[in-house]
Amino acid sequence: GEGALRRILEEASERSARAAAGLSFGDLLLRGSTPERKAEGKKLFERLARDFADTSHGKYAKGWLFRTEKLQVGLPVPDFTATDQDGKTFKLSDYKGKVVLLDFWGFW
C-alpha cells in the first residue's frame, strides 16, 4: 500500500526503485479525493522531476507537470519553433491573432 511505497521512496538503496515508488505513490495521491492529497501528489511529482530528472519516472513527472500547468483550456498555447513542409522555420507566435490549425505527424 501507500506505506510501502513511501518507505521504498525514502529508504531504498536502488535509485530506480525509489523513482518508481515515487511515481506510483504520486499517482495514487493525485487520484485522491481531497485537495490535500492532490497537492501532496503534485509536490511529489515536482520532487521527482527535480531529483530524478535523468530517469524515465522523473521525465514522466516533468511532462505531467507541464501538461497540468501549461496545456489547459483557457491558457495561452506555449510558443514553439518548428519547420514547415517547405523547410522554412517559423514560430507559433508569428501567427498571433490569426486562426491556426496545427497538424502534427511523423514517421517513427
PDB file of N, CA and C in Angstrom:
ATOM      1  N   GLY A   1       0.804  -1.169   0.000  1.00  0.00           N
ATOM      2  CA  GLY A   1       0.000   0.000   0.000  1.00  0.00           C
ATOM      3  C   GLY A   1       0.868   1.262   0.000  1.00  0.00           C
ATOM      4  N   GLU A   2       0.244   2.322   0.404  1.00  0.00           N
ATOM      5  CA  GLU A   2       0.907   3.612   0.417  1.00  0.00           C
ATOM      6  C   GLU A   2       2.114   3.651   1.343  1.00  0.00           C
ATOM      7  N   GLY A   3       1.998   2.990   2.496  1.00  0.00           N
ATOM      8  CA  GLY A   3       3.114   2.967   3.444  1.00  0.00           C
ATOM      9  C   GLY A   3       4.344   2.316   2.848  1.00  0.00           C
ATOM     10  N   ALA A   4       4.143   1.228   2.116  1.00  0.00           N
ATOM     11  CA  ALA A   4       5.267   0.532   1.487  1.00  0.00           C
ATOM     12  C   ALA A   4       5.905   1.408   0.409  1.00  0.00           C
ATOM     13  N   LEU A   5       5.085   2.072  -0.378  1.00  0.00           N
ATOM     14  CA  LEU A   5       5.624   2.950  -1.423  1.00  0.00           C
ATOM     15  C   LEU A   5       6.419   4.098  -0.805  1.00  0.00           C
ATOM     16  N   ARG A   6       5.909   4.657   0.274  1.00  0.00           N
ATOM     17  CA  ARG A   6       6.607   5.758   0.942  1.00  0.00           C
ATOM     18  C   ARG A   6       7.956   5.284   1.485  1.00  0.00           C
ATOM     19  N   ARG A   7       7.988   4.081   2.083  1.00  0.00           N
ATOM     20  CA  ARG A   7       9.244   3.541   2.617  1.00  0.00           C
ATOM     21  C   ARG A   7      10.264   3.304   1.501  1.00  0.00           C
ATOM     22  N   ILE A   8       9.804   2.727   0.398  1.00  0.00           N
ATOM     23  CA  ILE A   8      10.721   2.492  -0.727  1.00  0.00           C
ATOM     24  C   ILE A   8      11.270   3.816  -1.242  1.00  0.00           C
ATOM     25  N   LEU A   9      10.405   4.805  -1.389  1.00  0.00           N
ATOM     26  CA  LEU A   9      10.823   6.119  -1.874  1.00  0.00           C
ATOM     27  C   LEU A   9      11.888   6.727  -0.972  1.00  0.00           C
ATOM     28  N   GLU A  10      11.739   6.593   0.308  1.00  0.00           N
ATOM     29  CA  GLU A  10      12.642   7.236   1.257  1.00  0.00           C
ATOM     30  C   GLU A  10      13.855   6.390   1.634  1.00  0.00           C
ATOM     31  N   GLU A  11      13.739   5.058   1.564  1.00  0.00           N
ATOM     32  CA  GLU A  11      14.784   4.220   2.149  1.00  0.00           C
ATOM     33  C   GLU A  11      15.505   3.277   1.197  1.00  0.00           C
ATOM     34  N   ALA A  12      14.954   3.018   0.022  1.00  0.00           N
ATOM     35  CA  ALA A  12      15.565   2.028  -0.864  1.00  0.00           C
ATOM     36  C   ALA A  12      16.949   2.488  -1.308  1.00  0.00           C
ATOM     37  N   SER A  13      17.873   1.542  -1.391  1.00  0.00           N
ATOM     38  CA  SER A  13      19.225   1.881  -1.843  1.00  0.00           C
ATOM     39  C   SER A  13      19.283   2.028  -3.359  1.00  0.00           C
ATOM     40  N   GLU A  14      18.400   1.361  -4.061  1.00  0.00           N
ATOM     41  CA  GLU A  14      18.363   1.418  -5.526  1.00  0.00           C
ATOM     42  C   GLU A  14      17.584   2.660  -5.971  1.00  0.00           C
ATOM     43  N   ARG A  15      18.274   3.554  -6.648  1.00  0.00           N
ATOM     44  CA  ARG A  15      17.688   4.827  -7.069  1.00  0.00           C
ATOM     45  C   ARG A  15      16.475   4.634  -7.977  1.00  0.00           C
ATOM     46  N   SER A  16      16.559   3.681  -8.903  1.00  0.00           N
ATOM     47  CA  SER A  16      15.435   3.456  -9.826  1.00  0.00           C
ATOM     48  C   SER A  16      14.205   2.946  -9.085  1.00  0.00           C
ATOM     49  N   ALA A  17      14.396   2.167  -8.032  1.00  0.00           N
ATOM     50  CA  ALA A  17      13.267   1.701  -7.217  1.00  0.00           C
ATOM     51  C   ALA A  17      12.617   2.873  -6.495  1.00  0.00           C
ATOM     52  N   ARG A  18      13.438   3.792  -6.000  1.00  0.00           N
ATOM     53  CA  ARG A  18      12.904   4.979  -5.329  1.00  0.00           C
ATOM     54  C   ARG A  18      12.078   5.817  -6.304  1.00  0.00           C
ATOM     55  N   ALA A  19      12.592   6.004  -7.514  1.00  0.00           N
ATOM     56  CA  ALA A  19      11.875   6.792  -8.518  1.00  0.00           C
ATOM     57  C   ALA A  19      10.553   6.122  -8.898  1.00  0.00           C
ATOM     58  N   ALA A  20      10.570   4.809  -9.093  1.00  0.00           N
ATOM     59  CA  ALA A  20       9.353   4.080  -9.458  1.00  0.00           C
ATOM     60  C   ALA A  20       8.322   4.156  -8.342  1.00  0.00           C
ATOM     61  N   ALA A  21       8.773   3.991  -7.103  1.00  0.00           N
ATOM     62  CA  ALA A  21       7.856   4.073  -5.964  1.00  0.00           C
ATOM     63  C   ALA A  21       7.277   5.480  -5.857  1.00  0.00           C
ATOM     64  N   GLY A  22       8.103   6.483  -6.077  1.00  0.00           N
ATOM     65  CA  GLY A  22       7.631   7.860  -6.013  1.00  0.00           C
ATOM     66  C   GLY A  22       6.565   8.153  -7.056  1.00  0.00           C
ATOM     67  N   LEU A  23       6.767   7.635  -8.256  1.00  0.00           N
ATOM     68  CA  LEU A  23       5.790   7.851  -9.311  1.00  0.00           C
ATOM     69  C   LEU A  23       4.472   7.154  -8.981  1.00  0.00           C
ATOM     70  N   SER A  24       4.551   5.932  -8.509  1.00  0.00           N
ATOM     71  CA  SER A  24       3.333   5.193  -8.143  1.00  0.00           C
ATOM     72  C   SER A  24       2.603   5.869  -6.993  1.00  0.00           C
ATOM     73  N   PHE A  25       3.358   6.280  -5.981  1.00  0.00           N
ATOM     74  CA  PHE A  25       2.767   6.936  -4.824  1.00  0.00           C
ATOM     75  C   PHE A  25       2.158   8.284  -5.231  1.00  0.00           C
ATOM     76  N   GLY A  26       2.876   9.051  -6.032  1.00  0.00           N
ATOM     77  CA  GLY A  26       2.354  10.336  -6.503  1.00  0.00           C
ATOM     78  C   GLY A  26       1.070  10.165  -7.295  1.00  0.00           C
ATOM     79  N   ASP A  27       1.035   9.137  -8.137  1.00  0.00           N
ATOM     80  CA  ASP A  27      -0.162   8.864  -8.923  1.00  0.00           C
ATOM     81  C   ASP A  27      -1.347   8.537  -8.016  1.00  0.00           C
ATOM     82  N   LEU A  28      -1.109   7.728  -6.988  1.00  0.00           N
ATOM     83  CA  LEU A  28      -2.173   7.422  -6.026  1.00  0.00           C
ATOM     84  C   LEU A  28      -2.691   8.684  -5.354  1.00  0.00           C
ATOM     85  N   LEU A  29      -1.774   9.543  -4.956  1.00  0.00           N
ATOM     86  CA  LEU A  29      -2.174  10.775  -4.285  1.00  0.00           C
ATOM     87  C   LEU A  29      -2.954  11.689  -5.229  1.00  0.00           C
ATOM     88  N   LEU A  30      -2.519  11.789  -6.461  1.00  0.00           N
ATOM     89  CA  LEU A  30      -3.200  12.657  -7.423  1.00  0.00           C
ATOM     90  C   LEU A  30      -4.603  12.177  -7.743  1.00  0.00           C
ATOM     91  N   ARG A  31      -4.824  10.904  -7.603  1.00  0.00           N
ATOM     92  CA  ARG A  31      -6.157  10.350  -7.829  1.00  0.00           C
ATOM     93  C   ARG A  31      -7.007  10.428  -6.563  1.00  0.00           C
ATOM     94  N   GLY A  32      -6.446  10.998  -5.521  1.00  0.00           N
ATOM     95  CA  GLY A  32      -7.133  11.095  -4.232  1.00  0.00           C
ATOM     96  C   GLY A  32      -8.357  11.981  -4.286  1.00  0.00           C
ATOM     97  N   SER A  33      -9.155  11.849  -3.265  1.00  0.00           N
ATOM     98  CA  SER A  33     -10.431  12.552  -3.242  1.00  0.00           C
ATOM     99  C   SER A  33     -10.358  13.924  -2.583  1.00  0.00           C
ATOM    100  N   THR A  34      -9.265  14.229  -1.936  1.00  0.00           N
ATOM    101  CA  THR A  34      -9.193  15.518  -1.243  1.00  0.00           C
ATOM    102  C   THR A  34      -8.171  16.435  -1.914  1.00  0.00           C
ATOM    103  N   PRO A  35      -8.387  17.735  -1.818  1.00  0.00           N
ATOM    104  CA  PRO A  35      -7.411  18.680  -2.363  1.00  0.00           C
ATOM    105  C   PRO A  35      -6.037  18.529  -1.712  1.00  0.00           C
ATOM    106  N   GLU A  36      -5.996  18.155  -0.443  1.00  0.00           N
ATOM    107  CA  GLU A  36      -4.718  17.979   0.262  1.00  0.00           C
ATOM    108  C   GLU A  36      -3.922  16.825  -0.338  1.00  0.00           C
ATOM    109  N   ARG A  37      -4.581  15.714  -0.636  1.00  0.00           N
ATOM    110  CA  ARG A  37      -3.892  14.571  -1.248  1.00  0.00           C
ATOM    111  C   ARG A  37      -3.390  14.929  -2.645  1.00  0.00           C
ATOM    112  N   LYS A  38      -4.196  15.642  -3.402  1.00  0.00           N
ATOM    113  CA  LYS A  38      -3.786  16.048  -4.743  1.00  0.00           C
ATOM    114  C   LYS A  38      -2.601  17.002  -4.678  1.00  0.00           C
ATOM    115  N   ALA A  39      -2.610  17.920  -3.715  1.00  0.00           N
ATOM    116  CA  ALA A  39      -1.484  18.853  -3.553  1.00  0.00           C
ATOM    117  C   ALA A  39      -0.220  18.101  -3.159  1.00  0.00           C
ATOM    118  N   GLU A  40      -0.363  17.089  -2.295  1.00  0.00           N
ATOM    119  CA  GLU A  40       0.797  16.279  -1.900  1.00  0.00           C
ATOM    120  C   GLU A  40       1.335  15.505  -3.103  1.00  0.00           C
ATOM    121  N   GLY A  41       0.446  14.985  -3.941  1.00  0.00           N
ATOM    122  CA  GLY A  41       0.866  14.271  -5.149  1.00  0.00           C
ATOM    123  C   GLY A  41       1.605  15.186  -6.113  1.00  0.00           C
ATOM    124  N   LYS A  42       1.125  16.406  -6.267  1.00  0.00           N
ATOM    125  CA  LYS A  42       1.804  17.362  -7.152  1.00  0.00           C
ATOM    126  C   LYS A  42       3.190  17.685  -6.614  1.00  0.00           C
ATOM    127  N   LYS A  43       3.320  17.877  -5.305  1.00  0.00           N
ATOM    128  CA  LYS A  43       4.634  18.152  -4.709  1.00  0.00           C
ATOM    129  C   LYS A  43       5.582  16.975  -4.923  1.00  0.00           C
ATOM    130  N   LEU A  44       5.052  15.764  -4.818  1.00  0.00           N
ATOM    131  CA  LEU A  44       5.887  14.591  -5.047  1.00  0.00           C
ATOM    132  C   LEU A  44       6.339  14.537  -6.503  1.00  0.00           C
ATOM    133  N   PHE A  45       5.464  14.865  -7.445  1.00  0.00           N
ATOM    134  CA  PHE A  45       5.863  14.905  -8.855  1.00  0.00           C
ATOM    135  C   PHE A  45       6.908  15.988  -9.085  1.00  0.00           C
ATOM    136  N   GLU A  46       6.788  17.128  -8.410  1.00  0.00           N
ATOM    137  CA  GLU A  46       7.804  18.181  -8.524  1.00  0.00           C
ATOM    138  C   GLU A  46       9.150  17.674  -8.016  1.00  0.00           C
ATOM    139  N   ARG A  47       9.121  16.916  -6.927  1.00  0.00           N
ATOM    140  CA  ARG A  47      10.356  16.328  -6.386  1.00  0.00           C
ATOM    141  C   ARG A  47      10.956  15.331  -7.373  1.00  0.00           C
ATOM    142  N   LEU A  48      10.113  14.481  -7.948  1.00  0.00           N
ATOM    143  CA  LEU A  48      10.608  13.508  -8.930  1.00  0.00           C
ATOM    144  C   LEU A  48      11.224  14.215 -10.135  1.00  0.00           C
ATOM    145  N   ALA A  49      10.558  15.246 -10.636  1.00  0.00           N
ATOM    146  CA  ALA A  49      11.070  15.983 -11.803  1.00  0.00           C
ATOM    147  C   ALA A  49      12.414  16.627 -11.495  1.00  0.00           C
ATOM    148  N   ARG A  50      12.614  17.030 -10.252  1.00  0.00           N
ATOM    149  CA  ARG A  50      13.867  17.688  -9.854  1.00  0.00           C
ATOM    150  C   ARG A  50      14.945  16.659  -9.503  1.00  0.00           C
ATOM    151  N   ASP A  51      14.633  15.736  -8.601  1.00  0.00           N
ATOM    152  CA  ASP A  51      15.642  14.832  -8.047  1.00  0.00           C
ATOM    153  C   ASP A  51      15.914  13.587  -8.894  1.00  0.00           C
ATOM    154  N   PHE A  52      14.987  13.251  -9.781  1.00  0.00           N
ATOM    155  CA  PHE A  52      15.143  12.061 -10.625  1.00  0.00           C
ATOM    156  C   PHE A  52      14.981  12.434 -12.095  1.00  0.00           C
ATOM    157  N   ALA A  53      15.425  13.638 -12.456  1.00  0.00           N
ATOM    158  CA  ALA A  53      15.230  14.178 -13.808  1.00  0.00           C
ATOM    159  C   ALA A  53      15.836  13.290 -14.888  1.00  0.00           C
ATOM    160  N   ASP A  54      16.862  12.532 -14.556  1.00  0.00           N
ATOM    161  CA  ASP A  54      17.540  11.694 -15.544  1.00  0.00           C
ATOM    162  C   ASP A  54      16.887  10.327 -15.721  1.00  0.00           C
ATOM    163  N   THR A  55      15.803  10.058 -14.997  1.00  0.00           N
ATOM    164  CA  THR A  55      15.118   8.769 -15.113  1.00  0.00           C
ATOM    165  C   THR A  55      13.831   8.925 -15.912  1.00  0.00           C
ATOM    166  N   SER A  56      13.313   7.821 -16.401  1.00  0.00           N
ATOM    167  CA  SER A  56      12.040   7.876 -17.129  1.00  0.00           C
ATOM    168  C   SER A  56      10.913   8.323 -16.204  1.00  0.00           C
ATOM    169  N   HIS A  57      11.010   7.980 -14.923  1.00  0.00           N
ATOM    170  CA  HIS A  57       9.979   8.378 -13.960  1.00  0.00           C
ATOM    171  C   HIS A  57      10.006   9.895 -13.736  1.00  0.00           C
ATOM    172  N   GLY A  58      11.192  10.456 -13.632  1.00  0.00           N
ATOM    173  CA  GLY A  58      11.327  11.900 -13.472  1.00  0.00           C
ATOM    174  C   GLY A  58      10.862  12.642 -14.710  1.00  0.00           C
ATOM    175  N   LYS A  59      11.156  12.093 -15.883  1.00  0.00           N
ATOM    176  CA  LYS A  59      10.720  12.719 -17.128  1.00  0.00           C
ATOM    177  C   LYS A  59       9.200  12.665 -17.258  1.00  0.00           C
ATOM    178  N   TYR A  60       8.607  11.555 -16.832  1.00  0.00           N
ATOM    179  CA  TYR A  60       7.151  11.448 -16.855  1.00  0.00           C
ATOM    180  C   TYR A  60       6.537  12.511 -15.941  1.00  0.00           C
ATOM    181  N   ALA A  61       7.089  12.642 -14.737  1.00  0.00           N
ATOM    182  CA  ALA A  61       6.578  13.630 -13.783  1.00  0.00           C
ATOM    183  C   ALA A  61       6.713  15.041 -14.352  1.00  0.00           C
ATOM    184  N   LYS A  62       7.837  15.330 -14.981  1.00  0.00           N
ATOM    185  CA  LYS A  62       8.038  16.655 -15.581  1.00  0.00           C
ATOM    186  C   LYS A  62       7.003  16.914 -16.675  1.00  0.00           C
ATOM    187  N   GLY A  63       6.748  15.919 -17.502  1.00  0.00           N
ATOM    188  CA  GLY A  63       5.739  16.062 -18.557  1.00  0.00           C
ATOM    189  C   GLY A  63       4.347  16.258 -17.992  1.00  0.00           C
ATOM    190  N   TRP A  64       4.024  15.506 -16.933  1.00  0.00           N
ATOM    191  CA  TRP A  64       2.717  15.664 -16.293  1.00  0.00           C
ATOM    192  C   TRP A  64       2.562  17.081 -15.755  1.00  0.00           C
ATOM    193  N   LEU A  65       3.592  17.586 -15.105  1.00  0.00           N
ATOM    194  CA  LEU A  65       3.547  18.948 -14.568  1.00  0.00           C
ATOM    195  C   LEU A  65       3.361  19.967 -15.685  1.00  0.00           C
ATOM    196  N   PHE A  66       4.078  19.804 -16.790  1.00  0.00           N
ATOM    197  CA  PHE A  66       3.945  20.721 -17.918  1.00  0.00           C
ATOM    198  C   PHE A  66       2.522  20.705 -18.458  1.00  0.00           C
ATOM    199  N   ARG A  67       1.997  19.491 -18.689  1.00  0.00           N
ATOM    200  CA  ARG A  67       0.630  19.386 -19.224  1.00  0.00           C
ATOM    201  C   ARG A  67      -0.377  20.009 -18.271  1.00  0.00           C
ATOM    202  N   THR A  68      -0.206  19.774 -16.985  1.00  0.00           N
ATOM    203  CA  THR A  68      -1.146  20.272 -15.984  1.00  0.00           C
ATOM    204  C   THR A  68      -1.077  21.787 -15.836  1.00  0.00           C
ATOM    205  N   GLU A  69       0.119  22.336 -15.917  1.00  0.00           N
ATOM    206  CA  GLU A  69       0.291  23.769 -15.683  1.00  0.00           C
ATOM    207  C   GLU A  69       0.204  24.612 -16.952  1.00  0.00           C
ATOM    208  N   LYS A  70       0.504  24.043 -18.101  1.00  0.00           N
ATOM    209  CA  LYS A  70       0.605  24.839 -19.331  1.00  0.00           C
ATOM    210  C   LYS A  70      -0.409  24.486 -20.417  1.00  0.00           C
ATOM    211  N   LEU A  71      -0.916  23.273 -20.419  1.00  0.00           N
ATOM    212  CA  LEU A  71      -1.789  22.833 -21.511  1.00  0.00           C
ATOM    213  C   LEU A  71      -3.217  22.616 -21.015  1.00  0.00           C
ATOM    214  N   GLN A  72      -3.837  23.684 -20.605  1.00  0.00           N
ATOM    215  CA  GLN A  72      -5.207  23.618 -20.111  1.00  0.00           C
ATOM    216  C   GLN A  72      -6.086  24.563 -20.914  1.00  0.00           C
ATOM    217  N   VAL A  73      -7.339  24.212 -21.044  1.00  0.00           N
ATOM    218  CA  VAL A  73      -8.296  25.067 -21.733  1.00  0.00           C
ATOM    219  C   VAL A  73      -8.295  26.441 -21.065  1.00  0.00           C
ATOM    220  N   GLY A  74      -8.213  27.471 -21.896  1.00  0.00           N
ATOM    221  CA  GLY A  74      -8.236  28.837 -21.399  1.00  0.00           C
ATOM    222  C   GLY A  74      -6.863  29.455 -21.205  1.00  0.00           C
ATOM    223  N   LEU A  75      -5.809  28.640 -21.234  1.00  0.00           N
ATOM    224  CA  LEU A  75      -4.447  29.156 -21.112  1.00  0.00           C
ATOM    225  C   LEU A  75      -3.871  29.419 -22.501  1.00  0.00           C
ATOM    226  N   PRO A  76      -2.970  30.397 -22.612  1.00  0.00           N
ATOM    227  CA  PRO A  76      -2.311  30.598 -23.909  1.00  0.00           C
ATOM    228  C   PRO A  76      -1.472  29.373 -24.281  1.00  0.00           C
ATOM    229  N   VAL A  77      -1.404  29.116 -25.572  1.00  0.00           N
ATOM    230  CA  VAL A  77      -0.595  27.997 -26.055  1.00  0.00           C
ATOM    231  C   VAL A  77       0.878  28.369 -25.895  1.00  0.00           C
ATOM    232  N   PRO A  78       1.694  27.467 -25.354  1.00  0.00           N
ATOM    233  CA  PRO A  78       3.134  27.764 -25.256  1.00  0.00           C
ATOM    234  C   PRO A  78       3.723  27.980 -26.654  1.00  0.00           C
ATOM    235  N   ASP A  79       4.591  28.962 -26.777  1.00  0.00           N
ATOM    236  CA  ASP A  79       5.232  29.236 -28.067  1.00  0.00           C
ATOM    237  C   ASP A  79       6.234  28.130 -28.386  1.00  0.00           C
ATOM    238  N   PHE A  80       6.403  27.860 -29.651  1.00  0.00           N
ATOM    239  CA  PHE A  80       7.410  26.893 -30.076  1.00  0.00           C
ATOM    240  C   PHE A  80       7.883  27.247 -31.471  1.00  0.00           C
ATOM    241  N   THR A  81       9.013  26.696 -31.840  1.00  0.00           N
ATOM    242  CA  THR A  81       9.582  26.875 -33.166  1.00  0.00           C
ATOM    243  C   THR A  81       9.506  25.541 -33.899  1.00  0.00           C
ATOM    244  N   ALA A  82       9.168  25.594 -35.173  1.00  0.00           N
ATOM    245  CA  ALA A  82       9.067  24.376 -35.980  1.00  0.00           C
ATOM    246  C   ALA A  82       9.479  24.697 -37.413  1.00  0.00           C
ATOM    247  N   THR A  83       9.516  23.663 -38.231  1.00  0.00           N
ATOM    248  CA  THR A  83       9.844  23.800 -39.639  1.00  0.00           C
ATOM    249  C   THR A  83       8.634  23.364 -40.448  1.00  0.00           C
ATOM    250  N   ASP A  84       8.222  24.193 -41.406  1.00  0.00           N
ATOM    251  CA  ASP A  84       7.063  23.838 -42.221  1.00  0.00           C
ATOM    252  C   ASP A  84       7.452  22.848 -43.313  1.00  0.00           C
ATOM    253  N   GLN A  85       6.484  22.462 -44.125  1.00  0.00           N
ATOM    254  CA  GLN A  85       6.718  21.440 -45.152  1.00  0.00           C
ATOM    255  C   GLN A  85       7.683  21.887 -46.240  1.00  0.00           C
ATOM    256  N   ASP A  86       7.929  23.195 -46.321  1.00  0.00           N
ATOM    257  CA  ASP A  86       8.885  23.708 -47.312  1.00  0.00           C
ATOM    258  C   ASP A  86      10.264  23.947 -46.707  1.00  0.00           C
ATOM    259  N   GLY A  87      10.456  23.566 -45.450  1.00  0.00           N
ATOM    260  CA  GLY A  87      11.742  23.730 -44.795  1.00  0.00           C
ATOM    261  C   GLY A  87      11.953  25.085 -44.147  1.00  0.00           C
ATOM    262  N   LYS A  88      10.929  25.921 -44.115  1.00  0.00           N
ATOM    263  CA  LYS A  88      11.019  27.253 -43.523  1.00  0.00           C
ATOM    264  C   LYS A  88      10.727  27.175 -42.020  1.00  0.00           C
ATOM    265  N   THR A  89      11.604  27.778 -41.222  1.00  0.00           N
ATOM    266  CA  THR A  89      11.414  27.797 -39.775  1.00  0.00           C
ATOM    267  C   THR A  89      10.441  28.911 -39.408  1.00  0.00           C
ATOM    268  N   PHE A  90       9.552  28.618 -38.473  1.00  0.00           N
ATOM    269  CA  PHE A  90       8.600  29.616 -38.009  1.00  0.00           C
ATOM    270  C   PHE A  90       8.361  29.429 -36.516  1.00  0.00           C
ATOM    271  N   LYS A  91       7.827  30.454 -35.906  1.00  0.00           N
ATOM    272  CA  LYS A  91       7.404  30.389 -34.503  1.00  0.00           C
ATOM    273  C   LYS A  91       5.891  30.517 -34.475  1.00  0.00           C
ATOM    274  N   LEU A  92       5.264  29.813 -33.571  1.00  0.00           N
ATOM    275  CA  LEU A  92       3.817  29.912 -33.453  1.00  0.00           C
ATOM    276  C   LEU A  92       3.403  31.360 -33.190  1.00  0.00           C
ATOM    277  N   SER A  93       4.189  32.069 -32.400  1.00  0.00           N
ATOM    278  CA  SER A  93       3.865  33.462 -32.074  1.00  0.00           C
ATOM    279  C   SER A  93       3.865  34.373 -33.310  1.00  0.00           C
ATOM    280  N   ASP A  94       4.476  33.930 -34.428  1.00  0.00           N
ATOM    281  CA  ASP A  94       4.432  34.704 -35.674  1.00  0.00           C
ATOM    282  C   ASP A  94       2.994  34.865 -36.170  1.00  0.00           C
ATOM    283  N   TYR A  95       2.112  33.989 -35.735  1.00  0.00           N
ATOM    284  CA  TYR A  95       0.732  33.973 -36.211  1.00  0.00           C
ATOM    285  C   TYR A  95      -0.255  34.463 -35.149  1.00  0.00           C
ATOM    286  N   LYS A  96       0.244  35.167 -34.155  1.00  0.00           N
ATOM    287  CA  LYS A  96      -0.621  35.662 -33.080  1.00  0.00           C
ATOM    288  C   LYS A  96      -1.751  36.505 -33.673  1.00  0.00           C
ATOM    289  N   GLY A  97      -2.966  36.245 -33.203  1.00  0.00           N
ATOM    290  CA  GLY A  97      -4.136  36.971 -33.682  1.00  0.00           C
ATOM    291  C   GLY A  97      -4.785  36.349 -34.905  1.00  0.00           C
ATOM    292  N   LYS A  98      -4.200  35.276 -35.428  1.00  0.00           N
ATOM    293  CA  LYS A  98      -4.752  34.600 -36.601  1.00  0.00           C
ATOM    294  C   LYS A  98      -5.228  33.215 -36.195  1.00  0.00           C
ATOM    295  N   VAL A  99      -6.121  32.664 -36.958  1.00  0.00           N
ATOM    296  CA  VAL A  99      -6.574  31.296 -36.734  1.00  0.00           C
ATOM    297  C   VAL A  99      -5.489  30.356 -37.255  1.00  0.00           C
ATOM    298  N   VAL A 100      -5.096  29.389 -36.436  1.00  0.00           N
ATOM    299  CA  VAL A 100      -4.029  28.461 -36.801  1.00  0.00           C
ATOM    300  C   VAL A 100      -4.521  27.032 -36.591  1.00  0.00           C
ATOM    301  N   LEU A 101      -4.326  26.195 -37.571  1.00  0.00           N
ATOM    302  CA  LEU A 101      -4.614  24.772 -37.464  1.00  0.00           C
ATOM    303  C   LEU A 101      -3.277  24.046 -37.445  1.00  0.00           C
ATOM    304  N   LEU A 102      -3.013  23.309 -36.376  1.00  0.00           N
ATOM    305  CA  LEU A 102      -1.763  22.556 -36.262  1.00  0.00           C
ATOM    306  C   LEU A 102      -2.044  21.092 -36.556  1.00  0.00           C
ATOM    307  N   ASP A 103      -1.251  20.513 -37.427  1.00  0.00           N
ATOM    308  CA  ASP A 103      -1.375  19.102 -37.784  1.00  0.00           C
ATOM    309  C   ASP A 103      -0.003  18.466 -37.606  1.00  0.00           C
ATOM    310  N   PHE A 104       0.188  17.790 -36.477  1.00  0.00           N
ATOM    311  CA  PHE A 104       1.478  17.146 -36.192  1.00  0.00           C
ATOM    312  C   PHE A 104       1.440  15.714 -36.696  1.00  0.00           C
ATOM    313  N   TRP A 105       2.481  15.313 -37.386  1.00  0.00           N
ATOM    314  CA  TRP A 105       2.596  13.937 -37.820  1.00  0.00           C
ATOM    315  C   TRP A 105       4.060  13.619 -38.041  1.00  0.00           C
ATOM    316  N   GLY A 106       4.360  12.378 -38.183  1.00  0.00           N
ATOM    317  CA  GLY A 106       5.740  11.972 -38.398  1.00  0.00           C
ATOM    318  C   GLY A 106       5.838  10.505 -38.727  1.00  0.00           C
ATOM    319  N   PHE A 107       7.047  10.089 -39.000  1.00  0.00           N
ATOM    320  CA  PHE A 107       7.312   8.675 -39.293  1.00  0.00           C
ATOM    321  C   PHE A 107       8.241   8.143 -38.221  1.00  0.00           C
ATOM    322  N   TRP A 108       7.812   7.122 -37.532  1.00  0.00           N
ATOM    323  CA  TRP A 108       8.650   6.511 -36.489  1.00  0.00           C
ATOM    324  C   TRP A 108       8.913   5.093 -36.813  1.00  0.00           C
TER     325      TRP A 108
END
